[in-house]
Amino acid sequence: MELFDLTGKTAIITGGSRGIGKEMAEGLAEAGASVVLCARRQEWLDETVSEFRERGFKAAGVLADVSKPEDVERLVAEAVSKFGAFDILINNAGISWGAMPEDMPLEKWQKVLDVNLTGCFLMAQAAGREMLKKNSGSIINIASIAGLTSSANGPFYAGYVASKAGLIGLTRELAASWGRRGIRVNAIAPGFFHSRLADAVIDIYERSIQENNVIPRIGKEGELKGTVVFLASDASSYITGQTIAVDGGMTV
């Protein structure tokens, strides 16, 4: 169990106040980590931080938009101020916009890329600068199976797909850039889990998943915790640059 122990470690989780971000933050806290949650809405952030503290977790919240460089720098500075040097970054914040490619408004495309890809780069850059000071750290980018596969039956969300495919490539490049300096960078590509972002399209897929998936169901609450704790901990100390699909075999 020592391999998975995160006692004394600190993690930043973007988009950590709700959904799978909250679930992953909970998993890290249960493994002993202090957690700094980042979100754009104060009411959700305060509620989750209070809940975590009531459970005995070391938790703090920072209001920030990861697409804004000044917010990113402030978030990292506050995490260091509150807990000292930090060890783990979970790049989870993300948005989507659905439209056929010929109808996709440029401003929506740009906003999705700004948050999902540029925001992850800005966070990794700022976190990496801190991690390089001690030559250790684990960065986990939350991609999606949308970055690995598409469907002629939709949903159609070109910006989201492009951002997640780009994030998988960014994961490899950051791993190659920083691996010899002690920082590991990996990605998780979830399949369909109930969340605010996914629920709008799950109905399109659920019947097909039940009929065709190797594990014939939507992902359950808690089924991302093990993967994120594994990649954050010494249990994965020889793994970097990889993307792990947690999708019930959908991409098999």
C-alpha atoms as a PDB file:
ATOM      1  CA  MET A   1       0.000   0.000   0.000  1.00  0.00           C
ATOM      2  CA  GLU A   2       2.995   2.324   0.443  1.00  0.00           C
ATOM      3  CA  LEU A   3       3.248   2.515  -3.357  1.00  0.00           C
ATOM      4  CA  PHE A   4      -0.119   4.288  -3.484  1.00  0.00           C
ATOM      5  CA  ASP A   5       0.342   6.440  -0.369  1.00  0.00           C
ATOM      6  CA  LEU A   6       0.161  10.191  -1.122  1.00  0.00           C
ATOM      7  CA  THR A   7       0.631  11.394   2.463  1.00  0.00           C
ATOM      8  CA  GLY A   8       2.640  14.610   2.457  1.00  0.00           C
ATOM      9  CA  LYS A   9       1.930  15.282  -1.217  1.00  0.00           C
ATOM     10  CA  THR A  10      -0.052  18.234  -2.568  1.00  0.00           C
ATOM     11  CA  ALA A  11      -2.183  18.169  -5.718  1.00  0.00           C
ATOM     12  CA  ILE A  12      -3.811  20.884  -7.804  1.00  0.00           C
ATOM     13  CA  ILE A  13      -7.007  19.752  -9.533  1.00  0.00           C
ATOM     14  CA  THR A  14      -8.483  22.105 -12.123  1.00  0.00           C
ATOM     15  CA  GLY A  15     -12.226  21.815 -12.583  1.00  0.00           C
ATOM     16  CA  GLY A  16     -12.148  20.129  -9.208  1.00  0.00           C
ATOM     17  CA  SER A  17     -15.396  21.326  -7.662  1.00  0.00           C
ATOM     18  CA  ARG A  18     -17.818  19.030  -9.504  1.00  0.00           C
ATOM     19  CA  GLY A  19     -18.148  15.849 -11.534  1.00  0.00           C
ATOM     20  CA  ILE A  20     -15.149  13.712 -12.350  1.00  0.00           C
ATOM     21  CA  GLY A  21     -12.785  16.453 -11.177  1.00  0.00           C
ATOM     22  CA  LYS A  22     -14.283  16.291  -7.710  1.00  0.00           C
ATOM     23  CA  GLU A  23     -14.175  12.495  -7.812  1.00  0.00           C
ATOM     24  CA  MET A  24     -10.482  12.466  -8.674  1.00  0.00           C
ATOM     25  CA  ALA A  25      -9.713  15.076  -6.019  1.00  0.00           C
ATOM     26  CA  GLU A  26     -11.549  12.908  -3.507  1.00  0.00           C
ATOM     27  CA  GLY A  27      -9.487   9.884  -4.515  1.00  0.00           C
ATOM     28  CA  LEU A  28      -6.230  11.780  -4.053  1.00  0.00           C
ATOM     29  CA  ALA A  29      -7.369  13.119  -0.664  1.00  0.00           C
ATOM     30  CA  GLU A  30      -8.397   9.618   0.451  1.00  0.00           C
ATOM     31  CA  ALA A  31      -4.863   8.484  -0.436  1.00  0.00           C
ATOM     32  CA  GLY A  32      -3.483  11.190   1.864  1.00  0.00           C
ATOM     33  CA  ALA A  33      -2.796  14.156  -0.418  1.00  0.00           C
ATOM     34  CA  SER A  34      -3.605  17.774   0.341  1.00  0.00           C
ATOM     35  CA  VAL A  35      -5.742  19.128  -2.490  1.00  0.00           C
ATOM     36  CA  VAL A  36      -6.090  22.567  -4.061  1.00  0.00           C
ATOM     37  CA  LEU A  37      -9.285  22.757  -6.075  1.00  0.00           C
ATOM     38  CA  CYS A  38      -9.646  25.219  -8.930  1.00  0.00           C
ATOM     39  CA  ALA A  39     -13.001  26.262 -10.403  1.00  0.00           C
ATOM     40  CA  ARG A  40     -14.668  29.227 -12.083  1.00  0.00           C
ATOM     41  CA  ARG A  41     -17.763  29.370  -9.859  1.00  0.00           C
ATOM     42  CA  GLN A  42     -17.364  30.330  -6.233  1.00  0.00           C
ATOM     43  CA  GLU A  43     -20.515  28.633  -4.964  1.00  0.00           C
ATOM     44  CA  TRP A  44     -19.507  25.185  -6.244  1.00  0.00           C
ATOM     45  CA  LEU A  45     -15.947  25.637  -5.060  1.00  0.00           C
ATOM     46  CA  ASP A  46     -16.916  26.683  -1.534  1.00  0.00           C
ATOM     47  CA  GLU A  47     -19.378  23.805  -1.214  1.00  0.00           C
ATOM     48  CA  THR A  48     -16.840  21.145  -2.195  1.00  0.00           C
ATOM     49  CA  VAL A  49     -14.002  22.572  -0.110  1.00  0.00           C
ATOM     50  CA  SER A  50     -16.298  22.667   2.933  1.00  0.00           C
ATOM     51  CA  GLU A  51     -17.414  19.087   2.300  1.00  0.00           C
ATOM     52  CA  PHE A  52     -13.809  17.886   2.021  1.00  0.00           C
ATOM     53  CA  ARG A  53     -12.723  19.683   5.187  1.00  0.00           C
ATOM     54  CA  GLU A  54     -15.643  18.207   7.102  1.00  0.00           C
ATOM     55  CA  ARG A  55     -14.343  14.785   6.096  1.00  0.00           C
ATOM     56  CA  GLY A  56     -10.917  15.612   7.487  1.00  0.00           C
ATOM     57  CA  PHE A  57      -9.179  16.270   4.176  1.00  0.00           C
ATOM     58  CA  LYS A  58      -6.633  19.063   3.787  1.00  0.00           C
ATOM     59  CA  ALA A  59      -8.312  21.163   1.104  1.00  0.00           C
ATOM     60  CA  ALA A  60      -8.215  24.681  -0.294  1.00  0.00           C
ATOM     61  CA  GLY A  61     -10.023  26.370  -3.157  1.00  0.00           C
ATOM     62  CA  VAL A  62      -8.872  28.958  -5.684  1.00  0.00           C
ATOM     63  CA  LEU A  63     -11.169  30.721  -8.124  1.00  0.00           C
ATOM     64  CA  ALA A  64      -9.462  30.742 -11.533  1.00  0.00           C
ATOM     65  CA  ASP A  65      -9.960  30.426 -15.289  1.00  0.00           C
ATOM     66  CA  VAL A  66      -7.183  28.270 -16.745  1.00  0.00           C
ATOM     67  CA  SER A  67      -7.399  29.994 -20.134  1.00  0.00           C
ATOM     68  CA  LYS A  68      -6.113  33.213 -18.513  1.00  0.00           C
ATOM     69  CA  PRO A  69      -2.347  33.256 -17.881  1.00  0.00           C
ATOM     70  CA  GLU A  70      -2.658  35.632 -14.945  1.00  0.00           C
ATOM     71  CA  ASP A  71      -5.173  33.312 -13.234  1.00  0.00           C
ATOM     72  CA  VAL A  72      -2.885  30.333 -13.776  1.00  0.00           C
ATOM     73  CA  GLU A  73       0.106  32.094 -12.231  1.00  0.00           C
ATOM     74  CA  ARG A  74      -1.997  33.171  -9.254  1.00  0.00           C
ATOM     75  CA  LEU A  75      -3.384  29.654  -8.769  1.00  0.00           C
ATOM     76  CA  VAL A  76       0.066  28.086  -8.679  1.00  0.00           C
ATOM     77  CA  ALA A  77       1.401  30.819  -6.387  1.00  0.00           C
ATOM     78  CA  GLU A  78      -1.487  30.327  -3.951  1.00  0.00           C
ATOM     79  CA  ALA A  79      -0.998  26.553  -3.935  1.00  0.00           C
ATOM     80  CA  VAL A  80       2.678  27.012  -3.090  1.00  0.00           C
ATOM     81  CA  SER A  81       1.818  29.614  -0.453  1.00  0.00           C
ATOM     82  CA  LYS A  82      -0.759  27.380   1.233  1.00  0.00           C
ATOM     83  CA  PHE A  83       1.054  24.029   1.170  1.00  0.00           C
ATOM     84  CA  GLY A  84       4.634  24.690   0.087  1.00  0.00           C
ATOM     85  CA  ALA A  85       5.945  22.986  -3.040  1.00  0.00           C
ATOM     86  CA  PHE A  86       3.335  20.813  -4.738  1.00  0.00           C
ATOM     87  CA  ASP A  87       3.766  17.433  -6.376  1.00  0.00           C
ATOM     88  CA  ILE A  88       0.762  16.626  -8.573  1.00  0.00           C
ATOM     89  CA  LEU A  89      -1.239  18.471 -11.210  1.00  0.00           C
ATOM     90  CA  ILE A  90      -4.531  17.131 -12.554  1.00  0.00           C
ATOM     91  CA  ASN A  91      -5.397  19.070 -15.727  1.00  0.00           C
ATOM     92  CA  ASN A  92      -9.135  18.409 -15.738  1.00  0.00           C
ATOM     93  CA  ALA A  93     -10.886  21.716 -16.529  1.00  0.00           C
ATOM     94  CA  GLY A  94     -12.726  21.489 -19.826  1.00  0.00           C
ATOM     95  CA  ILE A  95     -15.670  22.715 -21.884  1.00  0.00           C
ATOM     96  CA  SER A  96     -17.385  21.640 -25.096  1.00  0.00           C
ATOM     97  CA  TRP A  97     -19.571  22.964 -27.904  1.00  0.00           C
ATOM     98  CA  GLY A  98     -21.558  20.810 -30.293  1.00  0.00           C
ATOM     99  CA  ALA A  99     -22.193  21.713 -33.946  1.00  0.00           C
ATOM    100  CA  MET A 100     -21.611  20.314 -37.398  1.00  0.00           C
ATOM    101  CA  PRO A 101     -18.197  21.449 -38.670  1.00  0.00           C
ATOM    102  CA  GLU A 102     -19.719  23.653 -41.364  1.00  0.00           C
ATOM    103  CA  ASP A 103     -21.777  25.449 -38.733  1.00  0.00           C
ATOM    104  CA  MET A 104     -19.191  25.705 -35.933  1.00  0.00           C
ATOM    105  CA  PRO A 105     -18.879  29.362 -34.821  1.00  0.00           C
ATOM    106  CA  LEU A 106     -15.223  30.349 -34.778  1.00  0.00           C
ATOM    107  CA  GLU A 107     -15.539  31.934 -31.341  1.00  0.00           C
ATOM    108  CA  LYS A 108     -16.862  28.647 -29.901  1.00  0.00           C
ATOM    109  CA  TRP A 109     -14.061  26.652 -31.528  1.00  0.00           C
ATOM    110  CA  GLN A 110     -11.525  29.097 -30.107  1.00  0.00           C
ATOM    111  CA  LYS A 111     -13.002  29.078 -26.608  1.00  0.00           C
ATOM    112  CA  VAL A 112     -12.910  25.274 -26.423  1.00  0.00           C
ATOM    113  CA  LEU A 113      -9.271  25.208 -27.579  1.00  0.00           C
ATOM    114  CA  ASP A 114      -8.369  28.027 -25.177  1.00  0.00           C
ATOM    115  CA  VAL A 115      -9.651  26.107 -22.142  1.00  0.00           C
ATOM    116  CA  ASN A 116      -9.062  22.470 -23.076  1.00  0.00           C
ATOM    117  CA  LEU A 117      -5.661  22.707 -24.724  1.00  0.00           C
ATOM    118  CA  THR A 118      -4.034  26.096 -24.147  1.00  0.00           C
ATOM    119  CA  GLY A 119      -5.275  26.098 -20.558  1.00  0.00           C
ATOM    120  CA  CYS A 120      -3.700  22.694 -19.949  1.00  0.00           C
ATOM    121  CA  PHE A 121      -0.437  23.903 -21.453  1.00  0.00           C
ATOM    122  CA  LEU A 122      -0.436  27.036 -19.289  1.00  0.00           C
ATOM    123  CA  MET A 123      -1.103  24.970 -16.174  1.00  0.00           C
ATOM    124  CA  ALA A 124       1.565  22.408 -17.048  1.00  0.00           C
ATOM    125  CA  GLN A 125       4.046  25.185 -17.816  1.00  0.00           C
ATOM    126  CA  ALA A 126       3.475  26.965 -14.504  1.00  0.00           C
ATOM    127  CA  ALA A 127       3.389  23.714 -12.517  1.00  0.00           C
ATOM    128  CA  GLY A 128       6.419  22.389 -14.354  1.00  0.00           C
ATOM    129  CA  ARG A 129       8.490  25.409 -13.365  1.00  0.00           C
ATOM    130  CA  GLU A 130       7.781  24.648  -9.706  1.00  0.00           C
ATOM    131  CA  MET A 131       8.329  20.886 -10.070  1.00  0.00           C
ATOM    132  CA  LEU A 132      11.660  21.416 -11.831  1.00  0.00           C
ATOM    133  CA  LYS A 133      12.943  23.176  -8.710  1.00  0.00           C
ATOM    134  CA  LYS A 134      12.884  19.824  -6.914  1.00  0.00           C
ATOM    135  CA  ASN A 135      13.224  17.532  -9.945  1.00  0.00           C
ATOM    136  CA  SER A 136      10.049  15.601  -9.244  1.00  0.00           C
ATOM    137  CA  GLY A 137       6.348  15.700  -9.985  1.00  0.00           C
ATOM    138  CA  SER A 138       3.451  14.008 -11.737  1.00  0.00           C
ATOM    139  CA  ILE A 139       1.199  15.770 -14.245  1.00  0.00           C
ATOM    140  CA  ILE A 140      -1.987  14.000 -15.331  1.00  0.00           C
ATOM    141  CA  ASN A 141      -3.924  15.418 -18.270  1.00  0.00           C
ATOM    142  CA  ILE A 142      -7.574  14.433 -18.537  1.00  0.00           C
ATOM    143  CA  ALA A 143      -8.115  13.767 -22.214  1.00  0.00           C
ATOM    144  CA  SER A 144     -11.040  11.737 -23.609  1.00  0.00           C
ATOM    145  CA  ILE A 145     -11.698   8.801 -25.886  1.00  0.00           C
ATOM    146  CA  ALA A 146     -12.968  11.557 -28.207  1.00  0.00           C
ATOM    147  CA  GLY A 147      -9.276  12.229 -28.827  1.00  0.00           C
ATOM    148  CA  LEU A 148      -8.814   8.622 -29.954  1.00  0.00           C
ATOM    149  CA  THR A 149     -11.973   7.759 -31.894  1.00  0.00           C
ATOM    150  CA  SER A 150     -15.030   9.329 -33.540  1.00  0.00           C
ATOM    151  CA  SER A 151     -18.472   8.202 -34.694  1.00  0.00           C
ATOM    152  CA  ALA A 152     -20.520   8.878 -37.826  1.00  0.00           C
ATOM    153  CA  ASN A 153     -23.567   8.923 -35.541  1.00  0.00           C
ATOM    154  CA  GLY A 154     -22.273  11.856 -33.507  1.00  0.00           C
ATOM    155  CA  PRO A 155     -22.119  13.719 -31.281  1.00  0.00           C
ATOM    156  CA  PHE A 156     -20.327  16.244 -33.475  1.00  0.00           C
ATOM    157  CA  TYR A 157     -17.995  18.543 -31.581  1.00  0.00           C
ATOM    158  CA  ALA A 158     -14.913  19.247 -33.674  1.00  0.00           C
ATOM    159  CA  GLY A 159     -13.286  21.679 -31.255  1.00  0.00           C
ATOM    160  CA  TYR A 160     -13.583  19.300 -28.310  1.00  0.00           C
ATOM    161  CA  VAL A 161     -12.206  16.369 -30.307  1.00  0.00           C
ATOM    162  CA  ALA A 162      -9.311  18.439 -31.646  1.00  0.00           C
ATOM    163  CA  SER A 163      -8.485  19.713 -28.163  1.00  0.00           C
ATOM    164  CA  LYS A 164      -8.404  16.228 -26.648  1.00  0.00           C
ATOM    165  CA  ALA A 165      -6.337  14.759 -29.484  1.00  0.00           C
ATOM    166  CA  GLY A 166      -3.974  17.708 -29.081  1.00  0.00           C
ATOM    167  CA  LEU A 167      -3.789  17.107 -25.341  1.00  0.00           C
ATOM    168  CA  ILE A 168      -2.695  13.515 -25.922  1.00  0.00           C
ATOM    169  CA  GLY A 169       0.092  14.793 -28.165  1.00  0.00           C
ATOM    170  CA  LEU A 170       1.027  17.447 -25.618  1.00  0.00           C
ATOM    171  CA  THR A 171       1.227  14.731 -22.967  1.00  0.00           C
ATOM    172  CA  ARG A 172       3.839  12.837 -24.984  1.00  0.00           C
ATOM    173  CA  GLU A 173       5.856  15.970 -25.696  1.00  0.00           C
ATOM    174  CA  LEU A 174       5.914  17.177 -22.085  1.00  0.00           C
ATOM    175  CA  ALA A 175       6.883  13.690 -20.938  1.00  0.00           C
ATOM    176  CA  ALA A 176       9.777  13.673 -23.406  1.00  0.00           C
ATOM    177  CA  SER A 177      10.827  17.197 -22.444  1.00  0.00           C
ATOM    178  CA  TRP A 178      10.834  16.721 -18.688  1.00  0.00           C
ATOM    179  CA  GLY A 179      11.341  12.992 -18.118  1.00  0.00           C
ATOM    180  CA  ARG A 180      15.081  13.274 -17.485  1.00  0.00           C
ATOM    181  CA  ARG A 181      14.419  16.048 -15.017  1.00  0.00           C
ATOM    182  CA  GLY A 182      12.140  14.026 -12.752  1.00  0.00           C
ATOM    183  CA  ILE A 183       8.656  14.965 -13.998  1.00  0.00           C
ATOM    184  CA  ARG A 184       6.304  12.301 -15.296  1.00  0.00           C
ATOM    185  CA  VAL A 185       3.411  13.302 -17.584  1.00  0.00           C
ATOM    186  CA  ASN A 186       0.551  10.947 -18.433  1.00  0.00           C
ATOM    187  CA  ALA A 187      -3.051  11.207 -19.582  1.00  0.00           C
ATOM    188  CA  ILE A 188      -6.346   9.535 -18.759  1.00  0.00           C
ATOM    189  CA  ALA A 189      -8.908   9.193 -21.545  1.00  0.00           C
ATOM    190  CA  PRO A 190     -12.289   8.547 -19.907  1.00  0.00           C
ATOM    191  CA  GLY A 191     -15.137   7.019 -21.817  1.00  0.00           C
ATOM    192  CA  PHE A 192     -18.684   7.967 -20.885  1.00  0.00           C
ATOM    193  CA  PHE A 193     -19.294   8.854 -17.248  1.00  0.00           C
ATOM    194  CA  HIS A 194     -22.217  10.874 -15.933  1.00  0.00           C
ATOM    195  CA  SER A 195     -21.160  14.500 -15.528  1.00  0.00           C
ATOM    196  CA  ARG A 196     -22.443  17.975 -16.323  1.00  0.00           C
ATOM    197  CA  LEU A 197     -20.434  17.971 -19.554  1.00  0.00           C
ATOM    198  CA  ALA A 198     -21.249  14.433 -20.721  1.00  0.00           C
ATOM    199  CA  ASP A 199     -24.901  14.097 -19.737  1.00  0.00           C
ATOM    200  CA  ALA A 200     -26.015  16.133 -22.750  1.00  0.00           C
ATOM    201  CA  VAL A 201     -24.807  13.395 -25.119  1.00  0.00           C
ATOM    202  CA  ILE A 202     -24.843  10.188 -23.060  1.00  0.00           C
ATOM    203  CA  ASP A 203     -28.355   9.352 -24.252  1.00  0.00           C
ATOM    204  CA  ILE A 204     -27.012   9.130 -27.808  1.00  0.00           C
ATOM    205  CA  TYR A 205     -24.519   6.464 -26.805  1.00  0.00           C
ATOM    206  CA  GLU A 206     -25.948   4.536 -23.858  1.00  0.00           C
ATOM    207  CA  ARG A 207     -27.943   1.968 -25.868  1.00  0.00           C
ATOM    208  CA  SER A 208     -24.977   1.320 -28.159  1.00  0.00           C
ATOM    209  CA  ILE A 209     -22.635   0.970 -25.181  1.00  0.00           C
ATOM    210  CA  GLN A 210     -24.962  -1.527 -23.539  1.00  0.00           C
ATOM    211  CA  GLU A 211     -25.062  -3.567 -26.744  1.00  0.00           C
ATOM    212  CA  ASN A 212     -21.458  -3.309 -27.929  1.00  0.00           C
ATOM    213  CA  ASN A 213     -19.041  -2.374 -25.145  1.00  0.00           C
ATOM    214  CA  VAL A 214     -16.752  -5.039 -23.725  1.00  0.00           C
ATOM    215  CA  ILE A 215     -18.080  -3.916 -20.324  1.00  0.00           C
ATOM    216  CA  PRO A 216     -21.663  -3.117 -21.356  1.00  0.00           C
ATOM    217  CA  ARG A 217     -22.490  -0.010 -19.325  1.00  0.00           C
ATOM    218  CA  ILE A 218     -21.687   3.642 -18.622  1.00  0.00           C
ATOM    219  CA  GLY A 219     -18.836   4.207 -16.173  1.00  0.00           C
ATOM    220  CA  LYS A 220     -19.796   4.328 -12.510  1.00  0.00           C
ATOM    221  CA  GLU A 221     -18.971   6.932  -9.895  1.00  0.00           C
ATOM    222  CA  GLY A 222     -15.583   6.155  -8.356  1.00  0.00           C
ATOM    223  CA  GLU A 223     -14.151   4.235 -11.295  1.00  0.00           C
ATOM    224  CA  LEU A 224     -11.627   6.939 -12.157  1.00  0.00           C
ATOM    225  CA  LYS A 225     -10.156   7.163  -8.670  1.00  0.00           C
ATOM    226  CA  GLY A 226      -7.882   4.149  -8.968  1.00  0.00           C
ATOM    227  CA  THR A 227      -6.308   5.316 -12.220  1.00  0.00           C
ATOM    228  CA  VAL A 228      -5.601   8.837 -11.014  1.00  0.00           C
ATOM    229  CA  VAL A 229      -4.115   7.657  -7.694  1.00  0.00           C
ATOM    230  CA  PHE A 230      -1.991   5.122  -9.578  1.00  0.00           C
ATOM    231  CA  LEU A 231      -0.581   7.741 -11.966  1.00  0.00           C
ATOM    232  CA  ALA A 232      -0.033  10.265  -9.171  1.00  0.00           C
ATOM    233  CA  SER A 233       1.800   7.836  -6.914  1.00  0.00           C
ATOM    234  CA  ASP A 234       5.045   5.859  -6.860  1.00  0.00           C
ATOM    235  CA  ALA A 235       3.087   2.852  -8.081  1.00  0.00           C
ATOM    236  CA  SER A 236       3.560   4.260 -11.604  1.00  0.00           C
ATOM    237  CA  SER A 237       7.130   5.535 -11.156  1.00  0.00           C
ATOM    238  CA  TYR A 238       8.310   3.954 -14.456  1.00  0.00           C
ATOM    239  CA  ILE A 239       5.370   5.144 -16.558  1.00  0.00           C
ATOM    240  CA  THR A 240       5.381   8.379 -18.532  1.00  0.00           C
ATOM    241  CA  GLY A 241       4.010   9.728 -21.810  1.00  0.00           C
ATOM    242  CA  GLN A 242       1.123   7.260 -21.783  1.00  0.00           C
ATOM    243  CA  THR A 243      -2.627   7.642 -22.273  1.00  0.00           C
ATOM    244  CA  ILE A 244      -4.795   5.195 -20.332  1.00  0.00           C
ATOM    245  CA  ALA A 245      -8.321   4.751 -21.671  1.00  0.00           C
ATOM    246  CA  VAL A 246     -10.870   4.150 -18.912  1.00  0.00           C
ATOM    247  CA  ASP A 247     -13.794   3.302 -21.159  1.00  0.00           C
ATOM    248  CA  GLY A 248     -15.026  -0.205 -20.470  1.00  0.00           C
ATOM    249  CA  GLY A 249     -13.333  -1.387 -23.656  1.00  0.00           C
ATOM    250  CA  MET A 250     -15.095   1.065 -25.976  1.00  0.00           C
ATOM    251  CA  THR A 251     -11.910   1.739 -27.948  1.00  0.00           C
ATOM    252  CA  VAL A 252     -10.865  -1.925 -28.176  1.00  0.00           C
END
